[in-house]
Structure formats: structure tokens, C-alpha cells
Amino acid sequence: SIASADMDLNQLEAFLTAQTKKQGGITPDQAAVIAKFWKNHRTQIHESLVSQSRWDHGLKNMSWRVDLKSQLRHIDQINTPVAIVEMELGKNGQ
């Protein structure tokens, strides 16, 4: 929750306080350790999450076709072309 919300120090403190008050939650000592870890590693954690969620710019394969509508409710829409495009994305080196 802390990492996905990229909490600042005020949000972190409020979140950890709520977690210590929750039944079955964390202890104040655990909250202090988590807070210290987050303060020291927030930037690296955020960069790691962003890099894992980013797509590479690689088009592995692309194919397309044009279909014609042959049956519709309105006669003026018959034989209207419809393009269908299929794209396959891939990571660099794959």
C-alpha cells in the first residue's frame, strides 16, 4: 500500500499509526522500522515499480485485413469496409 500510493512522510505516518491501532496490526517498533526503510529507499522502490510497469517500444508483429459488412439492420451500411488490425508487442530481444 505504501509503495503503490508513493506516500510522502505525512501520509506514511498516518498510515502506520492506523496500522498500529488496528487489531492484529503492527507494533510501534515495526512501524518505526518500516518508516525508516521507506525514508531511505523510497526513490529506488518507486523507480523499480515504474520500470516494471512500463512497456517497451517494440512491435513484434502486425497484420491487418479489411472485411465488408454483409448483413445489417440498415441497408445503407451494407458493404461498409471494416479494418481489423492485430498487433503483437514484444520486449526488446524477444
PDB file of N, CA and C in Angstrom:
ATOM      1  N   SER A   1       0.823  -1.207   0.000  1.00  0.00           N
ATOM      2  CA  SER A   1       0.000   0.000   0.000  1.00  0.00           C
ATOM      3  C   SER A   1       0.857   1.257   0.000  1.00  0.00           C
ATOM      4  N   ILE A   2       1.925   1.232   0.775  1.00  0.00           N
ATOM      5  CA  ILE A   2       2.809   2.401   0.868  1.00  0.00           C
ATOM      6  C   ILE A   2       3.462   2.675  -0.479  1.00  0.00           C
ATOM      7  N   ALA A   3       3.973   1.625  -1.117  1.00  0.00           N
ATOM      8  CA  ALA A   3       4.677   1.792  -2.386  1.00  0.00           C
ATOM      9  C   ALA A   3       3.731   2.172  -3.516  1.00  0.00           C
ATOM     10  N   SER A   4       2.580   1.522  -3.601  1.00  0.00           N
ATOM     11  CA  SER A   4       1.665   1.816  -4.703  1.00  0.00           C
ATOM     12  C   SER A   4       1.093   3.229  -4.609  1.00  0.00           C
ATOM     13  N   ALA A   5       0.950   3.754  -3.399  1.00  0.00           N
ATOM     14  CA  ALA A   5       0.457   5.123  -3.228  1.00  0.00           C
ATOM     15  C   ALA A   5       1.589   6.144  -3.256  1.00  0.00           C
ATOM     16  N   ASP A   6       2.835   5.661  -3.254  1.00  0.00           N
ATOM     17  CA  ASP A   6       4.020   6.533  -3.207  1.00  0.00           C
ATOM     18  C   ASP A   6       3.844   7.599  -2.126  1.00  0.00           C
ATOM     19  N   MET A   7       3.601   7.130  -0.911  1.00  0.00           N
ATOM     20  CA  MET A   7       3.255   8.008   0.216  1.00  0.00           C
ATOM     21  C   MET A   7       4.401   8.942   0.596  1.00  0.00           C
ATOM     22  N   ASP A   8       4.028  10.184   0.890  1.00  0.00           N
ATOM     23  CA  ASP A   8       5.018  11.102   1.452  1.00  0.00           C
ATOM     24  C   ASP A   8       5.101  10.826   2.953  1.00  0.00           C
ATOM     25  N   LEU A   9       5.949  11.571   3.652  1.00  0.00           N
ATOM     26  CA  LEU A   9       6.192  11.269   5.069  1.00  0.00           C
ATOM     27  C   LEU A   9       4.954  11.467   5.939  1.00  0.00           C
ATOM     28  N   ASN A  10       4.139  12.471   5.649  1.00  0.00           N
ATOM     29  CA  ASN A  10       2.912  12.690   6.431  1.00  0.00           C
ATOM     30  C   ASN A  10       1.909  11.558   6.210  1.00  0.00           C
ATOM     31  N   GLN A  11       1.740  11.149   4.952  1.00  0.00           N
ATOM     32  CA  GLN A  11       0.829  10.044   4.649  1.00  0.00           C
ATOM     33  C   GLN A  11       1.326   8.747   5.292  1.00  0.00           C
ATOM     34  N   LEU A  12       2.644   8.545   5.224  1.00  0.00           N
ATOM     35  CA  LEU A  12       3.245   7.350   5.807  1.00  0.00           C
ATOM     36  C   LEU A  12       2.983   7.285   7.308  1.00  0.00           C
ATOM     37  N   GLU A  13       3.190   8.395   7.970  1.00  0.00           N
ATOM     38  CA  GLU A  13       2.981   8.437   9.415  1.00  0.00           C
ATOM     39  C   GLU A  13       1.527   8.131   9.771  1.00  0.00           C
ATOM     40  N   ALA A  14       0.586   8.728   9.048  1.00  0.00           N
ATOM     41  CA  ALA A  14      -0.833   8.485   9.304  1.00  0.00           C
ATOM     42  C   ALA A  14      -1.193   7.023   9.029  1.00  0.00           C
ATOM     43  N   PHE A  15      -0.667   6.475   7.941  1.00  0.00           N
ATOM     44  CA  PHE A  15      -0.943   5.082   7.589  1.00  0.00           C
ATOM     45  C   PHE A  15      -0.405   4.132   8.652  1.00  0.00           C
ATOM     46  N   LEU A  16       0.845   4.344   9.064  1.00  0.00           N
ATOM     47  CA  LEU A  16       1.450   3.457  10.053  1.00  0.00           C
ATOM     48  C   LEU A  16       0.770   3.581  11.423  1.00  0.00           C
ATOM     49  N   THR A  17       0.359   4.779  11.785  1.00  0.00           N
ATOM     50  CA  THR A  17      -0.368   4.968  13.042  1.00  0.00           C
ATOM     51  C   THR A  17      -1.675   4.173  13.016  1.00  0.00           C
ATOM     52  N   ALA A  18      -2.374   4.242  11.888  1.00  0.00           N
ATOM     53  CA  ALA A  18      -3.624   3.481  11.751  1.00  0.00           C
ATOM     54  C   ALA A  18      -3.355   1.981  11.830  1.00  0.00           C
ATOM     55  N   GLN A  19      -2.237   1.533  11.257  1.00  0.00           N
ATOM     56  CA  GLN A  19      -1.913   0.109  11.279  1.00  0.00           C
ATOM     57  C   GLN A  19      -1.563  -0.379  12.693  1.00  0.00           C
ATOM     58  N   THR A  20      -0.975   0.500  13.500  1.00  0.00           N
ATOM     59  CA  THR A  20      -0.644   0.100  14.881  1.00  0.00           C
ATOM     60  C   THR A  20      -1.892   0.028  15.752  1.00  0.00           C
ATOM     61  N   LYS A  21      -2.909   0.811  15.427  1.00  0.00           N
ATOM     62  CA  LYS A  21      -4.137   0.814  16.222  1.00  0.00           C
ATOM     63  C   LYS A  21      -5.092  -0.301  15.815  1.00  0.00           C
ATOM     64  N   LYS A  22      -4.884  -0.884  14.663  1.00  0.00           N
ATOM     65  CA  LYS A  22      -5.717  -1.965  14.165  1.00  0.00           C
ATOM     66  C   LYS A  22      -5.490  -3.233  14.975  1.00  0.00           C
ATOM     67  N   GLN A  23      -6.556  -3.956  15.263  1.00  0.00           N
ATOM     68  CA  GLN A  23      -6.396  -5.222  15.979  1.00  0.00           C
ATOM     69  C   GLN A  23      -5.684  -6.205  15.051  1.00  0.00           C
ATOM     70  N   GLY A  24      -4.597  -6.789  15.547  1.00  0.00           N
ATOM     71  CA  GLY A  24      -3.810  -7.694  14.726  1.00  0.00           C
ATOM     72  C   GLY A  24      -2.862  -6.966  13.790  1.00  0.00           C
ATOM     73  N   GLY A  25      -2.720  -5.660  13.995  1.00  0.00           N
ATOM     74  CA  GLY A  25      -1.847  -4.847  13.151  1.00  0.00           C
ATOM     75  C   GLY A  25      -0.387  -4.964  13.563  1.00  0.00           C
ATOM     76  N   ILE A  26       0.375  -3.950  13.230  1.00  0.00           N
ATOM     77  CA  ILE A  26       1.808  -3.964  13.523  1.00  0.00           C
ATOM     78  C   ILE A  26       2.096  -3.272  14.856  1.00  0.00           C
ATOM     79  N   THR A  27       3.266  -3.547  15.391  1.00  0.00           N
ATOM     80  CA  THR A  27       3.676  -2.905  16.646  1.00  0.00           C
ATOM     81  C   THR A  27       4.306  -1.551  16.334  1.00  0.00           C
ATOM     82  N   PRO A  28       4.396  -0.665  17.321  1.00  0.00           N
ATOM     83  CA  PRO A  28       5.061   0.617  17.098  1.00  0.00           C
ATOM     84  C   PRO A  28       6.525   0.449  16.653  1.00  0.00           C
ATOM     85  N   ASP A  29       7.201  -0.580  17.155  1.00  0.00           N
ATOM     86  CA  ASP A  29       8.583  -0.837  16.727  1.00  0.00           C
ATOM     87  C   ASP A  29       8.640  -1.223  15.248  1.00  0.00           C
ATOM     88  N   GLN A  30       7.707  -2.057  14.831  1.00  0.00           N
ATOM     89  CA  GLN A  30       7.648  -2.435  13.422  1.00  0.00           C
ATOM     90  C   GLN A  30       7.344  -1.226  12.551  1.00  0.00           C
ATOM     91  N   ALA A  31       6.453  -0.354  13.021  1.00  0.00           N
ATOM     92  CA  ALA A  31       6.120   0.859  12.283  1.00  0.00           C
ATOM     93  C   ALA A  31       7.343   1.750  12.133  1.00  0.00           C
ATOM     94  N   ALA A  32       8.151   1.852  13.174  1.00  0.00           N
ATOM     95  CA  ALA A  32       9.361   2.674  13.117  1.00  0.00           C
ATOM     96  C   ALA A  32      10.357   2.111  12.101  1.00  0.00           C
ATOM     97  N   VAL A  33      10.494   0.794  12.054  1.00  0.00           N
ATOM     98  CA  VAL A  33      11.406   0.163  11.094  1.00  0.00           C
ATOM     99  C   VAL A  33      10.912   0.383   9.667  1.00  0.00           C
ATOM    100  N   ILE A  34       9.619   0.203   9.449  1.00  0.00           N
ATOM    101  CA  ILE A  34       9.044   0.413   8.117  1.00  0.00           C
ATOM    102  C   ILE A  34       9.236   1.862   7.688  1.00  0.00           C
ATOM    103  N   ALA A  35       8.983   2.800   8.586  1.00  0.00           N
ATOM    104  CA  ALA A  35       9.141   4.221   8.265  1.00  0.00           C
ATOM    105  C   ALA A  35      10.589   4.541   7.897  1.00  0.00           C
ATOM    106  N   LYS A  36      11.521   4.020   8.663  1.00  0.00           N
ATOM    107  CA  LYS A  36      12.939   4.273   8.377  1.00  0.00           C
ATOM    108  C   LYS A  36      13.327   3.671   7.034  1.00  0.00           C
ATOM    109  N   PHE A  37      12.876   2.453   6.753  1.00  0.00           N
ATOM    110  CA  PHE A  37      13.174   1.799   5.481  1.00  0.00           C
ATOM    111  C   PHE A  37      12.595   2.597   4.318  1.00  0.00           C
ATOM    112  N   TRP A  38      11.343   3.045   4.449  1.00  0.00           N
ATOM    113  CA  TRP A  38      10.688   3.800   3.382  1.00  0.00           C
ATOM    114  C   TRP A  38      11.406   5.124   3.127  1.00  0.00           C
ATOM    115  N   LYS A  39      11.795   5.798   4.194  1.00  0.00           N
ATOM    116  CA  LYS A  39      12.509   7.071   4.036  1.00  0.00           C
ATOM    117  C   LYS A  39      13.826   6.883   3.289  1.00  0.00           C
ATOM    118  N   ASN A  40      14.522   5.784   3.560  1.00  0.00           N
ATOM    119  CA  ASN A  40      15.824   5.543   2.946  1.00  0.00           C
ATOM    120  C   ASN A  40      15.741   4.955   1.533  1.00  0.00           C
ATOM    121  N   HIS A  41      14.638   4.287   1.197  1.00  0.00           N
ATOM    122  CA  HIS A  41      14.570   3.567  -0.076  1.00  0.00           C
ATOM    123  C   HIS A  41      13.392   3.965  -0.965  1.00  0.00           C
ATOM    124  N   ARG A  42      12.702   5.023  -0.627  1.00  0.00           N
ATOM    125  CA  ARG A  42      11.504   5.411  -1.375  1.00  0.00           C
ATOM    126  C   ARG A  42      11.791   5.607  -2.858  1.00  0.00           C
ATOM    127  N   THR A  43      12.836   6.330  -3.187  1.00  0.00           N
ATOM    128  CA  THR A  43      13.149   6.635  -4.583  1.00  0.00           C
ATOM    129  C   THR A  43      13.435   5.359  -5.377  1.00  0.00           C
ATOM    130  N   GLN A  44      14.245   4.481  -4.810  1.00  0.00           N
ATOM    131  CA  GLN A  44      14.586   3.249  -5.518  1.00  0.00           C
ATOM    132  C   GLN A  44      13.358   2.354  -5.715  1.00  0.00           C
ATOM    133  N   ILE A  45      12.506   2.280  -4.705  1.00  0.00           N
ATOM    134  CA  ILE A  45      11.298   1.460  -4.808  1.00  0.00           C
ATOM    135  C   ILE A  45      10.375   2.021  -5.886  1.00  0.00           C
ATOM    136  N   HIS A  46      10.194   3.339  -5.882  1.00  0.00           N
ATOM    137  CA  HIS A  46       9.332   3.978  -6.875  1.00  0.00           C
ATOM    138  C   HIS A  46       9.867   3.740  -8.291  1.00  0.00           C
ATOM    139  N   GLU A  47      11.169   3.929  -8.501  1.00  0.00           N
ATOM    140  CA  GLU A  47      11.764   3.715  -9.820  1.00  0.00           C
ATOM    141  C   GLU A  47      11.617   2.267 -10.271  1.00  0.00           C
ATOM    142  N   SER A  48      11.765   1.335  -9.345  1.00  0.00           N
ATOM    143  CA  SER A  48      11.611  -0.081  -9.669  1.00  0.00           C
ATOM    144  C   SER A  48      10.176  -0.397 -10.096  1.00  0.00           C
ATOM    145  N   LEU A  49       9.203   0.129  -9.382  1.00  0.00           N
ATOM    146  CA  LEU A  49       7.802  -0.111  -9.740  1.00  0.00           C
ATOM    147  C   LEU A  49       7.461   0.494 -11.096  1.00  0.00           C
ATOM    148  N   VAL A  50       7.970   1.688 -11.363  1.00  0.00           N
ATOM    149  CA  VAL A  50       7.711   2.337 -12.649  1.00  0.00           C
ATOM    150  C   VAL A  50       8.336   1.537 -13.781  1.00  0.00           C
ATOM    151  N   SER A  51       9.578   1.094 -13.608  1.00  0.00           N
ATOM    152  CA  SER A  51      10.245   0.343 -14.675  1.00  0.00           C
ATOM    153  C   SER A  51       9.564  -0.997 -14.938  1.00  0.00           C
ATOM    154  N   GLN A  52       8.986  -1.617 -13.911  1.00  0.00           N
ATOM    155  CA  GLN A  52       8.295  -2.889 -14.092  1.00  0.00           C
ATOM    156  C   GLN A  52       6.949  -2.723 -14.792  1.00  0.00           C
ATOM    157  N   SER A  53       6.364  -1.548 -14.690  1.00  0.00           N
ATOM    158  CA  SER A  53       5.041  -1.346 -15.270  1.00  0.00           C
ATOM    159  C   SER A  53       5.095  -0.676 -16.639  1.00  0.00           C
ATOM    160  N   ARG A  54       6.259  -0.293 -17.100  1.00  0.00           N
ATOM    161  CA  ARG A  54       6.405   0.383 -18.378  1.00  0.00           C
ATOM    162  C   ARG A  54       6.515  -0.637 -19.509  1.00  0.00           C
ATOM    163  N   TRP A  55       5.929  -0.326 -20.640  1.00  0.00           N
ATOM    164  CA  TRP A  55       6.026  -1.185 -21.811  1.00  0.00           C
ATOM    165  C   TRP A  55       7.214  -0.740 -22.635  1.00  0.00           C
ATOM    166  N   ASP A  56       7.920  -1.692 -23.207  1.00  0.00           N
ATOM    167  CA  ASP A  56       8.971  -1.356 -24.159  1.00  0.00           C
ATOM    168  C   ASP A  56       8.321  -1.001 -25.480  1.00  0.00           C
ATOM    169  N   HIS A  57       9.033  -0.190 -26.255  1.00  0.00           N
ATOM    170  CA  HIS A  57       8.514   0.213 -27.553  1.00  0.00           C
ATOM    171  C   HIS A  57       8.987  -0.787 -28.608  1.00  0.00           C
ATOM    172  N   GLY A  58       8.297  -1.899 -28.715  1.00  0.00           N
ATOM    173  CA  GLY A  58       8.686  -2.898 -29.687  1.00  0.00           C
ATOM    174  C   GLY A  58       7.475  -3.546 -30.317  1.00  0.00           C
ATOM    175  N   LEU A  59       7.368  -3.438 -31.620  1.00  0.00           N
ATOM    176  CA  LEU A  59       6.289  -4.083 -32.347  1.00  0.00           C
ATOM    177  C   LEU A  59       6.857  -5.365 -32.926  1.00  0.00           C
ATOM    178  N   LYS A  60       6.376  -6.483 -32.432  1.00  0.00           N
ATOM    179  CA  LYS A  60       6.901  -7.781 -32.841  1.00  0.00           C
ATOM    180  C   LYS A  60       6.268  -8.228 -34.164  1.00  0.00           C
ATOM    181  N   ASN A  61       4.985  -7.988 -34.309  1.00  0.00           N
ATOM    182  CA  ASN A  61       4.278  -8.464 -35.489  1.00  0.00           C
ATOM    183  C   ASN A  61       3.023  -7.615 -35.692  1.00  0.00           C
ATOM    184  N   MET A  62       2.647  -7.416 -36.950  1.00  0.00           N
ATOM    185  CA  MET A  62       1.415  -6.687 -37.238  1.00  0.00           C
ATOM    186  C   MET A  62       0.780  -7.277 -38.486  1.00  0.00           C
ATOM    187  N   SER A  63      -0.515  -7.499 -38.434  1.00  0.00           N
ATOM    188  CA  SER A  63      -1.245  -7.961 -39.602  1.00  0.00           C
ATOM    189  C   SER A  63      -2.584  -7.237 -39.641  1.00  0.00           C
ATOM    190  N   TRP A  64      -3.120  -7.082 -40.842  1.00  0.00           N
ATOM    191  CA  TRP A  64      -4.403  -6.402 -40.952  1.00  0.00           C
ATOM    192  C   TRP A  64      -5.182  -6.975 -42.117  1.00  0.00           C
ATOM    193  N   ARG A  65      -6.486  -6.767 -42.063  1.00  0.00           N
ATOM    194  CA  ARG A  65      -7.360  -7.188 -43.156  1.00  0.00           C
ATOM    195  C   ARG A  65      -8.550  -6.233 -43.210  1.00  0.00           C
ATOM    196  N   VAL A  66      -9.238  -6.228 -44.324  1.00  0.00           N
ATOM    197  CA  VAL A  66     -10.435  -5.414 -44.478  1.00  0.00           C
ATOM    198  C   VAL A  66     -11.601  -6.353 -44.720  1.00  0.00           C
ATOM    199  N   ASP A  67     -12.591  -6.277 -43.866  1.00  0.00           N
ATOM    200  CA  ASP A  67     -13.813  -7.071 -44.012  1.00  0.00           C
ATOM    201  C   ASP A  67     -14.932  -6.159 -44.489  1.00  0.00           C
ATOM    202  N   LEU A  68     -15.930  -6.750 -45.129  1.00  0.00           N
ATOM    203  CA  LEU A  68     -17.107  -5.996 -45.539  1.00  0.00           C
ATOM    204  C   LEU A  68     -18.306  -6.495 -44.752  1.00  0.00           C
ATOM    205  N   LYS A  69     -19.097  -5.555 -44.261  1.00  0.00           N
ATOM    206  CA  LYS A  69     -20.320  -5.933 -43.553  1.00  0.00           C
ATOM    207  C   LYS A  69     -21.317  -6.440 -44.598  1.00  0.00           C
ATOM    208  N   SER A  70     -21.845  -7.626 -44.364  1.00  0.00           N
ATOM    209  CA  SER A  70     -22.743  -8.202 -45.366  1.00  0.00           C
ATOM    210  C   SER A  70     -24.204  -8.243 -44.916  1.00  0.00           C
ATOM    211  N   GLN A  71     -24.446  -8.026 -43.625  1.00  0.00           N
ATOM    212  CA  GLN A  71     -25.818  -8.091 -43.148  1.00  0.00           C
ATOM    213  C   GLN A  71     -25.975  -7.119 -41.989  1.00  0.00           C
ATOM    214  N   LEU A  72     -26.853  -6.153 -42.159  1.00  0.00           N
ATOM    215  CA  LEU A  72     -27.115  -5.163 -41.117  1.00  0.00           C
ATOM    216  C   LEU A  72     -28.582  -4.794 -41.095  1.00  0.00           C
ATOM    217  N   ARG A  73     -28.959  -4.099 -40.076  1.00  0.00           N
ATOM    218  CA  ARG A  73     -30.337  -3.646 -39.950  1.00  0.00           C
ATOM    219  C   ARG A  73     -30.659  -2.580 -41.001  1.00  0.00           C
ATOM    220  N   HIS A  74     -29.710  -1.672 -41.260  1.00  0.00           N
ATOM    221  CA  HIS A  74     -29.938  -0.588 -42.217  1.00  0.00           C
ATOM    222  C   HIS A  74     -29.199  -0.883 -43.512  1.00  0.00           C
ATOM    223  N   ILE A  75     -29.902  -0.856 -44.614  1.00  0.00           N
ATOM    224  CA  ILE A  75     -29.357  -1.223 -45.923  1.00  0.00           C
ATOM    225  C   ILE A  75     -28.175  -0.352 -46.340  1.00  0.00           C
ATOM    226  N   ASP A  76     -28.158   0.919 -45.921  1.00  0.00           N
ATOM    227  CA  ASP A  76     -27.072   1.815 -46.345  1.00  0.00           C
ATOM    228  C   ASP A  76     -25.726   1.467 -45.710  1.00  0.00           C
ATOM    229  N   GLN A  77     -25.718   0.609 -44.705  1.00  0.00           N
ATOM    230  CA  GLN A  77     -24.464   0.224 -44.071  1.00  0.00           C
ATOM    231  C   GLN A  77     -23.883  -1.076 -44.624  1.00  0.00           C
ATOM    232  N   ILE A  78     -24.597  -1.751 -45.506  1.00  0.00           N
ATOM    233  CA  ILE A  78     -24.083  -2.981 -46.103  1.00  0.00           C
ATOM    234  C   ILE A  78     -22.893  -2.642 -46.993  1.00  0.00           C
ATOM    235  N   ASN A  79     -21.910  -3.516 -47.034  1.00  0.00           N
ATOM    236  CA  ASN A  79     -20.670  -3.373 -47.803  1.00  0.00           C
ATOM    237  C   ASN A  79     -19.799  -2.222 -47.309  1.00  0.00           C
ATOM    238  N   THR A  80     -20.007  -1.782 -46.086  1.00  0.00           N
ATOM    239  CA  THR A  80     -19.136  -0.786 -45.485  1.00  0.00           C
ATOM    240  C   THR A  80     -17.875  -1.498 -45.008  1.00  0.00           C
ATOM    241  N   PRO A  81     -16.692  -1.035 -45.453  1.00  0.00           N
ATOM    242  CA  PRO A  81     -15.471  -1.731 -45.042  1.00  0.00           C
ATOM    243  C   PRO A  81     -15.156  -1.522 -43.562  1.00  0.00           C
ATOM    244  N   VAL A  82     -14.636  -2.557 -42.953  1.00  0.00           N
ATOM    245  CA  VAL A  82     -14.216  -2.521 -41.562  1.00  0.00           C
ATOM    246  C   VAL A  82     -12.788  -3.043 -41.517  1.00  0.00           C
ATOM    247  N   ALA A  83     -11.879  -2.254 -40.997  1.00  0.00           N
ATOM    248  CA  ALA A  83     -10.481  -2.689 -40.902  1.00  0.00           C
ATOM    249  C   ALA A  83     -10.255  -3.369 -39.565  1.00  0.00           C
ATOM    250  N   ILE A  84      -9.555  -4.484 -39.607  1.00  0.00           N
ATOM    251  CA  ILE A  84      -9.201  -5.218 -38.401  1.00  0.00           C
ATOM    252  C   ILE A  84      -7.684  -5.266 -38.338  1.00  0.00           C
ATOM    253  N   VAL A  85      -7.133  -4.762 -37.258  1.00  0.00           N
ATOM    254  CA  VAL A  85      -5.688  -4.725 -37.094  1.00  0.00           C
ATOM    255  C   VAL A  85      -5.306  -5.583 -35.885  1.00  0.00           C
ATOM    256  N   GLU A  86      -4.333  -6.454 -36.077  1.00  0.00           N
ATOM    257  CA  GLU A  86      -3.821  -7.275 -34.997  1.00  0.00           C
ATOM    258  C   GLU A  86      -2.361  -6.907 -34.785  1.00  0.00           C
ATOM    259  N   MET A  87      -2.020  -6.545 -33.554  1.00  0.00           N
ATOM    260  CA  MET A  87      -0.637  -6.186 -33.233  1.00  0.00           C
ATOM    261  C   MET A  87      -0.136  -7.052 -32.101  1.00  0.00           C
ATOM    262  N   GLU A  88       1.104  -7.452 -32.197  1.00  0.00           N
ATOM    263  CA  GLU A  88       1.744  -8.220 -31.142  1.00  0.00           C
ATOM    264  C   GLU A  88       2.948  -7.426 -30.663  1.00  0.00           C
ATOM    265  N   LEU A  89       2.953  -7.088 -29.397  1.00  0.00           N
ATOM    266  CA  LEU A  89       4.049  -6.321 -28.811  1.00  0.00           C
ATOM    267  C   LEU A  89       5.027  -7.259 -28.151  1.00  0.00           C
ATOM    268  N   GLY A  90       6.299  -6.914 -28.211  1.00  0.00           N
ATOM    269  CA  GLY A  90       7.304  -7.749 -27.588  1.00  0.00           C
ATOM    270  C   GLY A  90       8.352  -6.906 -26.914  1.00  0.00           C
ATOM    271  N   LYS A  91       9.019  -7.490 -25.941  1.00  0.00           N
ATOM    272  CA  LYS A  91      10.112  -6.800 -25.272  1.00  0.00           C
ATOM    273  C   LYS A  91      11.351  -6.856 -26.135  1.00  0.00           C
ATOM    274  N   ASN A  92      12.264  -5.926 -25.932  1.00  0.00           N
ATOM    275  CA  ASN A  92      13.500  -5.911 -26.686  1.00  0.00           C
ATOM    276  C   ASN A  92      14.232  -7.231 -26.519  1.00  0.00           C
ATOM    277  N   GLY A  93      14.679  -7.792 -27.606  1.00  0.00           N
ATOM    278  CA  GLY A  93      15.414  -9.040 -27.556  1.00  0.00           C
ATOM    279  C   GLY A  93      14.551 -10.281 -27.597  1.00  0.00           C
ATOM    280  N   GLN A  94      13.252 -10.143 -27.649  1.00  0.00           N
ATOM    281  CA  GLN A  94      12.365 -11.313 -27.724  1.00  0.00           C
ATOM    282  C   GLN A  94      11.679 -11.353 -29.063  1.00  0.00           C
TER     283      GLN A  94
END
